[in-house]
């Protein structure tokens, strides 16, 4: 068993106010909690991992090259591996979400882009 208390989770801030925390996971899958300030959008990007994004609080709009969907509390969306997308907080308050990746990944995805 792997226990990861939230206060002890590895954290990363890819952008000002956009915080991420690595929860328990493995090479097969990983969970990342995130908070995103109002008006913030991740850049359009893709990755080898399938992804499920769950909106826990607020509002998140997920854009792909061909579709846009707005998630409200507890709504989710599945993104295929290599499907280009960006996630935007279109609400007026900070949004909280949970990303699940398969196979699992680390924060290296973002830190390697910053170099």
PDB file of N, CA and C in Angstrom:
ATOM      1  N   UNK A   1       0.840  -1.173   0.000  1.00  0.00           N
ATOM      2  CA  UNK A   1       0.000   0.000   0.000  1.00  0.00           C
ATOM      3  C   UNK A   1       0.888   1.240   0.000  1.00  0.00           C
ATOM      4  N   UNK A   2       0.483   2.230  -0.766  1.00  0.00           N
ATOM      5  CA  UNK A   2       1.188   3.517  -0.782  1.00  0.00           C
ATOM      6  C   UNK A   2       0.233   4.584  -0.287  1.00  0.00           C
ATOM      7  N   UNK A   3       0.571   5.200   0.837  1.00  0.00           N
ATOM      8  CA  UNK A   3      -0.246   6.272   1.410  1.00  0.00           C
ATOM      9  C   UNK A   3       0.452   7.595   1.123  1.00  0.00           C
ATOM     10  N   UNK A   4      -0.264   8.532   0.524  1.00  0.00           N
ATOM     11  CA  UNK A   4       0.283   9.859   0.250  1.00  0.00           C
ATOM     12  C   UNK A   4      -0.628  10.897   0.903  1.00  0.00           C
ATOM     13  N   UNK A   5      -0.290  11.356   2.108  1.00  0.00           N
ATOM     14  CA  UNK A   5      -1.071  12.441   2.709  1.00  0.00           C
ATOM     15  C   UNK A   5      -0.993  13.679   1.806  1.00  0.00           C
ATOM     16  N   UNK A   6      -2.116  14.345   1.620  1.00  0.00           N
ATOM     17  CA  UNK A   6      -2.151  15.474   0.697  1.00  0.00           C
ATOM     18  C   UNK A   6      -1.087  16.518   1.035  1.00  0.00           C
ATOM     19  N   UNK A   7      -0.904  16.807   2.316  1.00  0.00           N
ATOM     20  CA  UNK A   7       0.078  17.822   2.714  1.00  0.00           C
ATOM     21  C   UNK A   7       1.516  17.405   2.428  1.00  0.00           C
ATOM     22  N   UNK A   8       1.750  16.113   2.204  1.00  0.00           N
ATOM     23  CA  UNK A   8       3.095  15.617   1.906  1.00  0.00           C
ATOM     24  C   UNK A   8       3.305  15.327   0.414  1.00  0.00           C
ATOM     25  N   UNK A   9       2.279  15.529  -0.402  1.00  0.00           N
ATOM     26  CA  UNK A   9       2.374  15.209  -1.834  1.00  0.00           C
ATOM     27  C   UNK A   9       3.390  16.115  -2.522  1.00  0.00           C
ATOM     28  N   UNK A  10       4.071  15.561  -3.523  1.00  0.00           N
ATOM     29  CA  UNK A  10       4.965  16.365  -4.356  1.00  0.00           C
ATOM     30  C   UNK A  10       4.114  17.376  -5.111  1.00  0.00           C
ATOM     31  N   UNK A  11       4.566  18.627  -5.142  1.00  0.00           N
ATOM     32  CA  UNK A  11       3.803  19.673  -5.810  1.00  0.00           C
ATOM     33  C   UNK A  11       4.627  20.336  -6.901  1.00  0.00           C
ATOM     34  N   UNK A  12       3.940  20.971  -7.815  1.00  0.00           N
ATOM     35  CA  UNK A  12       4.587  21.695  -8.900  1.00  0.00           C
ATOM     36  C   UNK A  12       3.647  22.796  -9.363  1.00  0.00           C
ATOM     37  N   UNK A  13       4.200  23.930  -9.742  1.00  0.00           N
ATOM     38  CA  UNK A  13       3.412  25.050 -10.249  1.00  0.00           C
ATOM     39  C   UNK A  13       3.904  25.380 -11.660  1.00  0.00           C
ATOM     40  N   UNK A  14       3.269  24.784 -12.693  1.00  0.00           N
ATOM     41  CA  UNK A  14       3.716  25.038 -14.070  1.00  0.00           C
ATOM     42  C   UNK A  14       3.564  26.496 -14.487  1.00  0.00           C
ATOM     43  N   UNK A  15       2.647  27.206 -13.855  1.00  0.00           N
ATOM     44  CA  UNK A  15       2.350  28.594 -14.180  1.00  0.00           C
ATOM     45  C   UNK A  15       1.891  29.268 -12.897  1.00  0.00           C
ATOM     46  N   UNK A  16       1.998  30.581 -12.820  1.00  0.00           N
ATOM     47  CA  UNK A  16       1.605  31.306 -11.621  1.00  0.00           C
ATOM     48  C   UNK A  16       0.152  31.016 -11.246  1.00  0.00           C
ATOM     49  N   UNK A  17      -0.066  30.446 -10.059  1.00  0.00           N
ATOM     50  CA  UNK A  17      -1.399  30.156  -9.574  1.00  0.00           C
ATOM     51  C   UNK A  17      -1.965  28.814  -9.994  1.00  0.00           C
ATOM     52  N   UNK A  18      -1.314  28.145 -10.936  1.00  0.00           N
ATOM     53  CA  UNK A  18      -1.765  26.835 -11.412  1.00  0.00           C
ATOM     54  C   UNK A  18      -0.968  25.779 -10.655  1.00  0.00           C
ATOM     55  N   UNK A  19      -1.515  25.296  -9.549  1.00  0.00           N
ATOM     56  CA  UNK A  19      -0.814  24.339  -8.707  1.00  0.00           C
ATOM     57  C   UNK A  19      -1.239  22.918  -8.991  1.00  0.00           C
ATOM     58  N   UNK A  20      -0.281  21.998  -8.888  1.00  0.00           N
ATOM     59  CA  UNK A  20      -0.551  20.579  -9.099  1.00  0.00           C
ATOM     60  C   UNK A  20       0.075  19.786  -7.956  1.00  0.00           C
ATOM     61  N   UNK A  21      -0.581  18.696  -7.562  1.00  0.00           N
ATOM     62  CA  UNK A  21      -0.061  17.810  -6.512  1.00  0.00           C
ATOM     63  C   UNK A  21      -0.175  16.377  -6.995  1.00  0.00           C
ATOM     64  N   UNK A  22       0.932  15.621  -6.874  1.00  0.00           N
ATOM     65  CA  UNK A  22       0.968  14.218  -7.296  1.00  0.00           C
ATOM     66  C   UNK A  22       0.431  13.348  -6.163  1.00  0.00           C
ATOM     67  N   UNK A  23      -0.663  12.656  -6.440  1.00  0.00           N
ATOM     68  CA  UNK A  23      -1.259  11.763  -5.450  1.00  0.00           C
ATOM     69  C   UNK A  23      -0.728  10.350  -5.673  1.00  0.00           C
ATOM     70  N   UNK A  24      -1.197   9.387  -4.904  1.00  0.00           N
ATOM     71  CA  UNK A  24      -0.736   8.008  -5.047  1.00  0.00           C
ATOM     72  C   UNK A  24      -0.980   7.510  -6.468  1.00  0.00           C
ATOM     73  N   UNK A  25      -0.049   6.729  -6.975  1.00  0.00           N
ATOM     74  CA  UNK A  25      -0.164   6.188  -8.328  1.00  0.00           C
ATOM     75  C   UNK A  25       0.957   5.200  -8.590  1.00  0.00           C
ATOM     76  N   UNK A  26       1.150   4.875  -9.853  1.00  0.00           N
ATOM     77  CA  UNK A  26       2.164   3.901 -10.239  1.00  0.00           C
ATOM     78  C   UNK A  26       2.606   4.196 -11.667  1.00  0.00           C
ATOM     79  N   UNK A  27       3.437   3.316 -12.216  1.00  0.00           N
ATOM     80  CA  UNK A  27       3.818   3.449 -13.622  1.00  0.00           C
ATOM     81  C   UNK A  27       2.620   3.233 -14.542  1.00  0.00           C
ATOM     82  N   UNK A  28       1.617   2.488 -14.081  1.00  0.00           N
ATOM     83  CA  UNK A  28       0.442   2.190 -14.896  1.00  0.00           C
ATOM     84  C   UNK A  28      -0.545   3.360 -14.943  1.00  0.00           C
ATOM     85  N   UNK A  29      -0.655   4.127 -13.847  1.00  0.00           N
ATOM     86  CA  UNK A  29      -1.578   5.261 -13.795  1.00  0.00           C
ATOM     87  C   UNK A  29      -1.098   6.248 -12.739  1.00  0.00           C
ATOM     88  N   UNK A  30      -1.478   7.491 -12.890  1.00  0.00           N
ATOM     89  CA  UNK A  30      -1.153   8.500 -11.879  1.00  0.00           C
ATOM     90  C   UNK A  30      -2.325   9.456 -11.730  1.00  0.00           C
ATOM     91  N   UNK A  31      -2.423  10.042 -10.533  1.00  0.00           N
ATOM     92  CA  UNK A  31      -3.461  11.010 -10.209  1.00  0.00           C
ATOM     93  C   UNK A  31      -2.782  12.335  -9.877  1.00  0.00           C
ATOM     94  N   UNK A  32      -3.289  13.421 -10.447  1.00  0.00           N
ATOM     95  CA  UNK A  32      -2.792  14.748 -10.106  1.00  0.00           C
ATOM     96  C   UNK A  32      -3.970  15.655  -9.767  1.00  0.00           C
ATOM     97  N   UNK A  33      -3.978  16.146  -8.535  1.00  0.00           N
ATOM     98  CA  UNK A  33      -4.926  17.170  -8.106  1.00  0.00           C
ATOM     99  C   UNK A  33      -4.409  18.488  -8.647  1.00  0.00           C
ATOM    100  N   UNK A  34      -5.307  19.376  -9.041  1.00  0.00           N
ATOM    101  CA  UNK A  34      -4.843  20.693  -9.479  1.00  0.00           C
ATOM    102  C   UNK A  34      -5.840  21.778  -9.113  1.00  0.00           C
ATOM    103  N   UNK A  35      -5.291  22.996  -8.997  1.00  0.00           N
ATOM    104  CA  UNK A  35      -6.126  24.184  -8.865  1.00  0.00           C
ATOM    105  C   UNK A  35      -5.701  25.146  -9.958  1.00  0.00           C
ATOM    106  N   UNK A  36      -6.693  25.821 -10.525  1.00  0.00           N
ATOM    107  CA  UNK A  36      -6.444  26.698 -11.659  1.00  0.00           C
ATOM    108  C   UNK A  36      -7.195  27.999 -11.414  1.00  0.00           C
ATOM    109  N   UNK A  37      -6.483  29.145 -11.411  1.00  0.00           N
ATOM    110  CA  UNK A  37      -7.156  30.417 -11.157  1.00  0.00           C
ATOM    111  C   UNK A  37      -8.103  30.803 -12.300  1.00  0.00           C
ATOM    112  N   UNK A  38      -9.059  31.642 -11.989  1.00  0.00           N
ATOM    113  CA  UNK A  38     -10.006  32.133 -12.985  1.00  0.00           C
ATOM    114  C   UNK A  38      -9.252  32.740 -14.169  1.00  0.00           C
ATOM    115  N   UNK A  39      -9.664  32.391 -15.373  1.00  0.00           N
ATOM    116  CA  UNK A  39      -9.057  32.941 -16.584  1.00  0.00           C
ATOM    117  C   UNK A  39      -7.822  32.217 -17.068  1.00  0.00           C
ATOM    118  N   UNK A  40      -7.279  31.296 -16.270  1.00  0.00           N
ATOM    119  CA  UNK A  40      -6.046  30.608 -16.671  1.00  0.00           C
ATOM    120  C   UNK A  40      -6.344  29.471 -17.640  1.00  0.00           C
ATOM    121  N   UNK A  41      -5.460  29.293 -18.610  1.00  0.00           N
ATOM    122  CA  UNK A  41      -5.540  28.165 -19.543  1.00  0.00           C
ATOM    123  C   UNK A  41      -4.169  27.524 -19.665  1.00  0.00           C
ATOM    124  N   UNK A  42      -4.153  26.204 -19.667  1.00  0.00           N
ATOM    125  CA  UNK A  42      -2.903  25.519 -19.999  1.00  0.00           C
ATOM    126  C   UNK A  42      -2.653  25.734 -21.486  1.00  0.00           C
ATOM    127  N   UNK A  43      -1.412  25.595 -21.937  1.00  0.00           N
ATOM    128  CA  UNK A  43      -1.165  25.699 -23.373  1.00  0.00           C
ATOM    129  C   UNK A  43      -1.729  24.468 -24.100  1.00  0.00           C
ATOM    130  N   UNK A  44      -2.016  24.606 -25.373  1.00  0.00           N
ATOM    131  CA  UNK A  44      -2.420  23.438 -26.170  1.00  0.00           C
ATOM    132  C   UNK A  44      -1.230  22.480 -26.156  1.00  0.00           C
ATOM    133  N   UNK A  45      -1.496  21.214 -25.839  1.00  0.00           N
ATOM    134  CA  UNK A  45      -0.423  20.227 -25.735  1.00  0.00           C
ATOM    135  C   UNK A  45      -0.991  18.832 -25.942  1.00  0.00           C
ATOM    136  N   UNK A  46      -0.116  17.871 -26.127  1.00  0.00           N
ATOM    137  CA  UNK A  46      -0.525  16.467 -26.179  1.00  0.00           C
ATOM    138  C   UNK A  46       0.528  15.637 -25.464  1.00  0.00           C
ATOM    139  N   UNK A  47       0.200  14.384 -25.210  1.00  0.00           N
ATOM    140  CA  UNK A  47       1.132  13.498 -24.514  1.00  0.00           C
ATOM    141  C   UNK A  47       0.731  12.055 -24.768  1.00  0.00           C
ATOM    142  N   UNK A  48       1.643  11.168 -24.455  1.00  0.00           N
ATOM    143  CA  UNK A  48       1.432   9.740 -24.711  1.00  0.00           C
ATOM    144  C   UNK A  48       0.391   9.116 -23.798  1.00  0.00           C
ATOM    145  N   UNK A  49      -0.013   9.821 -22.757  1.00  0.00           N
ATOM    146  CA  UNK A  49      -0.921   9.275 -21.757  1.00  0.00           C
ATOM    147  C   UNK A  49      -2.377   9.541 -22.126  1.00  0.00           C
ATOM    148  N   UNK A  50      -3.236   8.526 -21.940  1.00  0.00           N
ATOM    149  CA  UNK A  50      -4.661   8.807 -21.922  1.00  0.00           C
ATOM    150  C   UNK A  50      -4.906   9.634 -20.668  1.00  0.00           C
ATOM    151  N   UNK A  51      -5.956  10.453 -20.694  1.00  0.00           N
ATOM    152  CA  UNK A  51      -6.225  11.329 -19.558  1.00  0.00           C
ATOM    153  C   UNK A  51      -7.720  11.411 -19.303  1.00  0.00           C
ATOM    154  N   UNK A  52      -8.084  11.363 -18.035  1.00  0.00           N
ATOM    155  CA  UNK A  52      -9.434  11.692 -17.607  1.00  0.00           C
ATOM    156  C   UNK A  52      -9.298  12.910 -16.707  1.00  0.00           C
ATOM    157  N   UNK A  53     -10.079  13.940 -16.995  1.00  0.00           N
ATOM    158  CA  UNK A  53     -10.089  15.161 -16.187  1.00  0.00           C
ATOM    159  C   UNK A  53     -11.459  15.249 -15.511  1.00  0.00           C
ATOM    160  N   UNK A  54     -11.446  15.406 -14.191  1.00  0.00           N
ATOM    161  CA  UNK A  54     -12.673  15.535 -13.408  1.00  0.00           C
ATOM    162  C   UNK A  54     -12.679  16.921 -12.771  1.00  0.00           C
ATOM    163  N   UNK A  55     -13.772  17.649 -12.926  1.00  0.00           N
ATOM    164  CA  UNK A  55     -13.932  18.952 -12.283  1.00  0.00           C
ATOM    165  C   UNK A  55     -14.522  18.721 -10.893  1.00  0.00           C
ATOM    166  N   UNK A  56     -13.773  19.087  -9.855  1.00  0.00           N
ATOM    167  CA  UNK A  56     -14.235  18.896  -8.481  1.00  0.00           C
ATOM    168  C   UNK A  56     -14.927  20.141  -7.929  1.00  0.00           C
ATOM    169  N   UNK A  57     -14.524  21.308  -8.443  1.00  0.00           N
ATOM    170  CA  UNK A  57     -15.092  22.572  -7.958  1.00  0.00           C
ATOM    171  C   UNK A  57     -14.933  23.617  -9.046  1.00  0.00           C
ATOM    172  N   UNK A  58     -15.935  24.420  -9.263  1.00  0.00           N
ATOM    173  CA  UNK A  58     -15.854  25.495 -10.239  1.00  0.00           C
ATOM    174  C   UNK A  58     -16.251  25.033 -11.625  1.00  0.00           C
ATOM    175  N   UNK A  59     -15.540  25.555 -12.613  1.00  0.00           N
ATOM    176  CA  UNK A  59     -15.870  25.291 -14.011  1.00  0.00           C
ATOM    177  C   UNK A  59     -14.581  25.188 -14.821  1.00  0.00           C
ATOM    178  N   UNK A  60     -14.467  24.158 -15.626  1.00  0.00           N
ATOM    179  CA  UNK A  60     -13.305  23.961 -16.494  1.00  0.00           C
ATOM    180  C   UNK A  60     -13.791  23.735 -17.918  1.00  0.00           C
ATOM    181  N   UNK A  61     -13.191  24.415 -18.872  1.00  0.00           N
ATOM    182  CA  UNK A  61     -13.531  24.208 -20.268  1.00  0.00           C
ATOM    183  C   UNK A  61     -12.349  23.516 -20.939  1.00  0.00           C
ATOM    184  N   UNK A  62     -12.626  22.377 -21.546  1.00  0.00           N
ATOM    185  CA  UNK A  62     -11.594  21.577 -22.208  1.00  0.00           C
ATOM    186  C   UNK A  62     -11.749  21.767 -23.714  1.00  0.00           C
ATOM    187  N   UNK A  63     -10.671  22.210 -24.344  1.00  0.00           N
ATOM    188  CA  UNK A  63     -10.658  22.453 -25.780  1.00  0.00           C
ATOM    189  C   UNK A  63      -9.757  21.422 -26.454  1.00  0.00           C
ATOM    190  N   UNK A  64     -10.227  20.794 -27.518  1.00  0.00           N
ATOM    191  CA  UNK A  64      -9.377  19.997 -28.395  1.00  0.00           C
ATOM    192  C   UNK A  64      -9.320  20.743 -29.724  1.00  0.00           C
ATOM    193  N   UNK A  65      -8.688  20.152 -30.717  1.00  0.00           N
ATOM    194  CA  UNK A  65      -8.611  20.808 -32.019  1.00  0.00           C
ATOM    195  C   UNK A  65      -9.968  20.863 -32.713  1.00  0.00           C
ATOM    196  N   UNK A  66     -10.914  20.003 -32.296  1.00  0.00           N
ATOM    197  CA  UNK A  66     -12.209  19.936 -32.979  1.00  0.00           C
ATOM    198  C   UNK A  66     -13.422  20.138 -32.080  1.00  0.00           C
ATOM    199  N   UNK A  67     -13.241  20.101 -30.753  1.00  0.00           N
ATOM    200  CA  UNK A  67     -14.379  20.172 -29.838  1.00  0.00           C
ATOM    201  C   UNK A  67     -14.058  21.022 -28.623  1.00  0.00           C
ATOM    202  N   UNK A  68     -15.100  21.530 -27.988  1.00  0.00           N
ATOM    203  CA  UNK A  68     -14.993  22.232 -26.712  1.00  0.00           C
ATOM    204  C   UNK A  68     -16.127  21.747 -25.822  1.00  0.00           C
ATOM    205  N   UNK A  69     -15.805  21.446 -24.564  1.00  0.00           N
ATOM    206  CA  UNK A  69     -16.824  21.025 -23.597  1.00  0.00           C
ATOM    207  C   UNK A  69     -16.534  21.729 -22.273  1.00  0.00           C
ATOM    208  N   UNK A  70     -17.584  22.179 -21.606  1.00  0.00           N
ATOM    209  CA  UNK A  70     -17.440  22.806 -20.295  1.00  0.00           C
ATOM    210  C   UNK A  70     -17.872  21.819 -19.221  1.00  0.00           C
ATOM    211  N   UNK A  71     -16.982  21.617 -18.255  1.00  0.00           N
ATOM    212  CA  UNK A  71     -17.232  20.708 -17.139  1.00  0.00           C
ATOM    213  C   UNK A  71     -17.656  21.518 -15.929  1.00  0.00           C
ATOM    214  N   UNK A  72     -18.735  21.098 -15.306  1.00  0.00           N
ATOM    215  CA  UNK A  72     -19.138  21.654 -14.030  1.00  0.00           C
ATOM    216  C   UNK A  72     -18.813  20.628 -12.958  1.00  0.00           C
ATOM    217  N   UNK A  73     -19.118  20.922 -11.718  1.00  0.00           N
ATOM    218  CA  UNK A  73     -18.736  20.055 -10.608  1.00  0.00           C
ATOM    219  C   UNK A  73     -19.104  18.596 -10.873  1.00  0.00           C
ATOM    220  N   UNK A  74     -18.104  17.726 -10.749  1.00  0.00           N
ATOM    221  CA  UNK A  74     -18.163  16.270 -10.883  1.00  0.00           C
ATOM    222  C   UNK A  74     -18.316  15.773 -12.319  1.00  0.00           C
ATOM    223  N   UNK A  75     -18.347  16.680 -13.307  1.00  0.00           N
ATOM    224  CA  UNK A  75     -18.315  16.250 -14.700  1.00  0.00           C
ATOM    225  C   UNK A  75     -16.906  15.803 -15.052  1.00  0.00           C
ATOM    226  N   UNK A  76     -16.785  14.959 -16.073  1.00  0.00           N
ATOM    227  CA  UNK A  76     -15.471  14.470 -16.490  1.00  0.00           C
ATOM    228  C   UNK A  76     -15.405  14.363 -18.000  1.00  0.00           C
ATOM    229  N   UNK A  77     -14.170  14.267 -18.487  1.00  0.00           N
ATOM    230  CA  UNK A  77     -13.917  14.095 -19.915  1.00  0.00           C
ATOM    231  C   UNK A  77     -12.733  13.151 -20.076  1.00  0.00           C
ATOM    232  N   UNK A  78     -12.769  12.320 -21.122  1.00  0.00           N
ATOM    233  CA  UNK A  78     -11.677  11.406 -21.451  1.00  0.00           C
ATOM    234  C   UNK A  78     -10.968  11.935 -22.689  1.00  0.00           C
ATOM    235  N   UNK A  79      -9.650  11.980 -22.639  1.00  0.00           N
ATOM    236  CA  UNK A  79      -8.825  12.396 -23.771  1.00  0.00           C
ATOM    237  C   UNK A  79      -7.933  11.233 -24.176  1.00  0.00           C
ATOM    238  N   UNK A  80      -7.913  10.938 -25.448  1.00  0.00           N
ATOM    239  CA  UNK A  80      -7.072   9.858 -25.973  1.00  0.00           C
ATOM    240  C   UNK A  80      -5.594  10.258 -25.911  1.00  0.00           C
ATOM    241  N   UNK A  81      -4.708   9.281 -25.926  1.00  0.00           N
ATOM    242  CA  UNK A  81      -3.276   9.550 -26.038  1.00  0.00           C
ATOM    243  C   UNK A  81      -3.031  10.355 -27.315  1.00  0.00           C
ATOM    244  N   UNK A  82      -2.166  11.349 -27.236  1.00  0.00           N
ATOM    245  CA  UNK A  82      -1.766  12.227 -28.338  1.00  0.00           C
ATOM    246  C   UNK A  82      -2.878  13.152 -28.840  1.00  0.00           C
ATOM    247  N   UNK A  83      -4.016  13.227 -28.125  1.00  0.00           N
ATOM    248  CA  UNK A  83      -5.084  14.160 -28.514  1.00  0.00           C
ATOM    249  C   UNK A  83      -4.732  15.554 -27.974  1.00  0.00           C
ATOM    250  N   UNK A  84      -4.469  16.487 -28.862  1.00  0.00           N
ATOM    251  CA  UNK A  84      -4.095  17.842 -28.449  1.00  0.00           C
ATOM    252  C   UNK A  84      -5.261  18.486 -27.701  1.00  0.00           C
ATOM    253  N   UNK A  85      -4.934  19.174 -26.593  1.00  0.00           N
ATOM    254  CA  UNK A  85      -5.966  19.780 -25.763  1.00  0.00           C
ATOM    255  C   UNK A  85      -5.382  20.873 -24.882  1.00  0.00           C
ATOM    256  N   UNK A  86      -6.269  21.683 -24.351  1.00  0.00           N
ATOM    257  CA  UNK A  86      -5.917  22.641 -23.306  1.00  0.00           C
ATOM    258  C   UNK A  86      -7.100  22.739 -22.359  1.00  0.00           C
ATOM    259  N   UNK A  87      -6.826  23.078 -21.098  1.00  0.00           N
ATOM    260  CA  UNK A  87      -7.863  23.170 -20.079  1.00  0.00           C
ATOM    261  C   UNK A  87      -7.861  24.594 -19.543  1.00  0.00           C
ATOM    262  N   UNK A  88      -9.031  25.221 -19.577  1.00  0.00           N
ATOM    263  CA  UNK A  88      -9.174  26.626 -19.213  1.00  0.00           C
ATOM    264  C   UNK A  88     -10.196  26.776 -18.095  1.00  0.00           C
ATOM    265  N   UNK A  89      -9.897  27.641 -17.140  1.00  0.00           N
ATOM    266  CA  UNK A  89     -10.878  27.979 -16.118  1.00  0.00           C
ATOM    267  C   UNK A  89     -11.683  29.157 -16.636  1.00  0.00           C
ATOM    268  N   UNK A  90     -12.881  28.898 -17.102  1.00  0.00           N
ATOM    269  CA  UNK A  90     -13.753  29.931 -17.647  1.00  0.00           C
ATOM    270  C   UNK A  90     -14.693  30.493 -16.591  1.00  0.00           C
ATOM    271  N   UNK A  91     -14.598  30.005 -15.371  1.00  0.00           N
ATOM    272  CA  UNK A  91     -15.439  30.495 -14.283  1.00  0.00           C
ATOM    273  C   UNK A  91     -14.843  31.717 -13.618  1.00  0.00           C
ATOM    274  N   UNK A  92     -15.552  32.208 -12.608  1.00  0.00           N
ATOM    275  CA  UNK A  92     -15.129  33.422 -11.905  1.00  0.00           C
ATOM    276  C   UNK A  92     -14.354  33.140 -10.626  1.00  0.00           C
ATOM    277  N   UNK A  93     -14.242  31.845 -10.241  1.00  0.00           N
ATOM    278  CA  UNK A  93     -13.514  31.479  -9.034  1.00  0.00           C
ATOM    279  C   UNK A  93     -12.466  30.423  -9.381  1.00  0.00           C
ATOM    280  N   UNK A  94     -11.563  30.174  -8.462  1.00  0.00           N
ATOM    281  CA  UNK A  94     -10.562  29.128  -8.650  1.00  0.00           C
ATOM    282  C   UNK A  94     -11.259  27.794  -8.860  1.00  0.00           C
ATOM    283  N   UNK A  95     -10.805  27.043  -9.842  1.00  0.00           N
ATOM    284  CA  UNK A  95     -11.347  25.710 -10.119  1.00  0.00           C
ATOM    285  C   UNK A  95     -10.403  24.662  -9.538  1.00  0.00           C
ATOM    286  N   UNK A  96     -10.977  23.551  -9.092  1.00  0.00           N
ATOM    287  CA  UNK A  96     -10.219  22.417  -8.567  1.00  0.00           C
ATOM    288  C   UNK A  96     -10.549  21.213  -9.442  1.00  0.00           C
ATOM    289  N   UNK A  97      -9.527  20.458  -9.819  1.00  0.00           N
ATOM    290  CA  UNK A  97      -9.759  19.289 -10.648  1.00  0.00           C
ATOM    291  C   UNK A  97      -8.851  18.133 -10.279  1.00  0.00           C
ATOM    292  N   UNK A  98      -9.117  17.013 -10.897  1.00  0.00           N
ATOM    293  CA  UNK A  98      -8.315  15.809 -10.725  1.00  0.00           C
ATOM    294  C   UNK A  98      -8.047  15.232 -12.105  1.00  0.00           C
ATOM    295  N   UNK A  99      -6.770  15.038 -12.420  1.00  0.00           N
ATOM    296  CA  UNK A  99      -6.371  14.389 -13.667  1.00  0.00           C
ATOM    297  C   UNK A  99      -5.879  12.988 -13.364  1.00  0.00           C
ATOM    298  N   UNK A 100      -6.303  12.037 -14.186  1.00  0.00           N
ATOM    299  CA  UNK A 100      -5.837  10.662 -14.099  1.00  0.00           C
ATOM    300  C   UNK A 100      -5.141  10.361 -15.415  1.00  0.00           C
ATOM    301  N   UNK A 101      -3.906   9.846 -15.353  1.00  0.00           N
ATOM    302  CA  UNK A 101      -3.119   9.546 -16.544  1.00  0.00           C
ATOM    303  C   UNK A 101      -2.779   8.064 -16.599  1.00  0.00           C
ATOM    304  N   UNK A 102      -2.901   7.480 -17.791  1.00  0.00           N
ATOM    305  CA  UNK A 102      -2.501   6.077 -18.010  1.00  0.00           C
ATOM    306  C   UNK A 102      -1.756   6.000 -19.337  1.00  0.00           C
ATOM    307  N   UNK A 103      -0.523   5.511 -19.347  1.00  0.00           N
ATOM    308  CA  UNK A 103       0.279   5.138 -18.175  1.00  0.00           C
ATOM    309  C   UNK A 103       0.575   6.362 -17.311  1.00  0.00           C
ATOM    310  N   UNK A 104       1.060   6.089 -16.106  1.00  0.00           N
ATOM    311  CA  UNK A 104       1.363   7.168 -15.173  1.00  0.00           C
ATOM    312  C   UNK A 104       2.482   8.050 -15.682  1.00  0.00           C
ATOM    313  N   UNK A 105       2.532   9.262 -15.142  1.00  0.00           N
ATOM    314  CA  UNK A 105       3.610  10.186 -15.517  1.00  0.00           C
ATOM    315  C   UNK A 105       4.003  10.998 -14.298  1.00  0.00           C
ATOM    316  N   UNK A 106       5.130  11.691 -14.426  1.00  0.00           N
ATOM    317  CA  UNK A 106       5.608  12.557 -13.348  1.00  0.00           C
ATOM    318  C   UNK A 106       5.513  14.005 -13.817  1.00  0.00           C
ATOM    319  N   UNK A 107       5.949  14.927 -12.972  1.00  0.00           N
ATOM    320  CA  UNK A 107       5.960  16.335 -13.346  1.00  0.00           C
ATOM    321  C   UNK A 107       7.008  16.635 -14.416  1.00  0.00           C
ATOM    322  N   UNK A 108       7.841  15.649 -14.749  1.00  0.00           N
ATOM    323  CA  UNK A 108       8.843  15.844 -15.813  1.00  0.00           C
ATOM    324  C   UNK A 108       8.191  16.300 -17.107  1.00  0.00           C
ATOM    325  N   UNK A 109       6.926  15.920 -17.324  1.00  0.00           N
ATOM    326  CA  UNK A 109       6.231  16.357 -18.535  1.00  0.00           C
ATOM    327  C   UNK A 109       6.289  17.873 -18.651  1.00  0.00           C
ATOM    328  N   UNK A 110       6.027  18.591 -17.553  1.00  0.00           N
ATOM    329  CA  UNK A 110       6.040  20.060 -17.588  1.00  0.00           C
ATOM    330  C   UNK A 110       7.434  20.614 -17.401  1.00  0.00           C
ATOM    331  N   UNK A 111       8.237  20.032 -16.511  1.00  0.00           N
ATOM    332  CA  UNK A 111       9.562  20.601 -16.256  1.00  0.00           C
ATOM    333  C   UNK A 111      10.456  20.462 -17.485  1.00  0.00           C
ATOM    334  N   UNK A 112      10.322  19.364 -18.240  1.00  0.00           N
ATOM    335  CA  UNK A 112      11.116  19.190 -19.454  1.00  0.00           C
ATOM    336  C   UNK A 112      10.745  20.217 -20.525  1.00  0.00           C
ATOM    337  N   UNK A 113       9.492  20.658 -20.562  1.00  0.00           N
ATOM    338  CA  UNK A 113       9.057  21.681 -21.515  1.00  0.00           C
ATOM    339  C   UNK A 113       9.611  23.041 -21.168  1.00  0.00           C
ATOM    340  N   UNK A 114       9.872  23.282 -19.873  1.00  0.00           N
ATOM    341  CA  UNK A 114      10.337  24.582 -19.416  1.00  0.00           C
ATOM    342  C   UNK A 114      11.826  24.798 -19.710  1.00  0.00           C
ATOM    343  N   UNK A 115      12.543  23.731 -20.002  1.00  0.00           N
ATOM    344  CA  UNK A 115      13.995  23.857 -20.215  1.00  0.00           C
ATOM    345  C   UNK A 115      14.321  24.394 -21.588  1.00  0.00           C
TER     346      UNK A 115
END
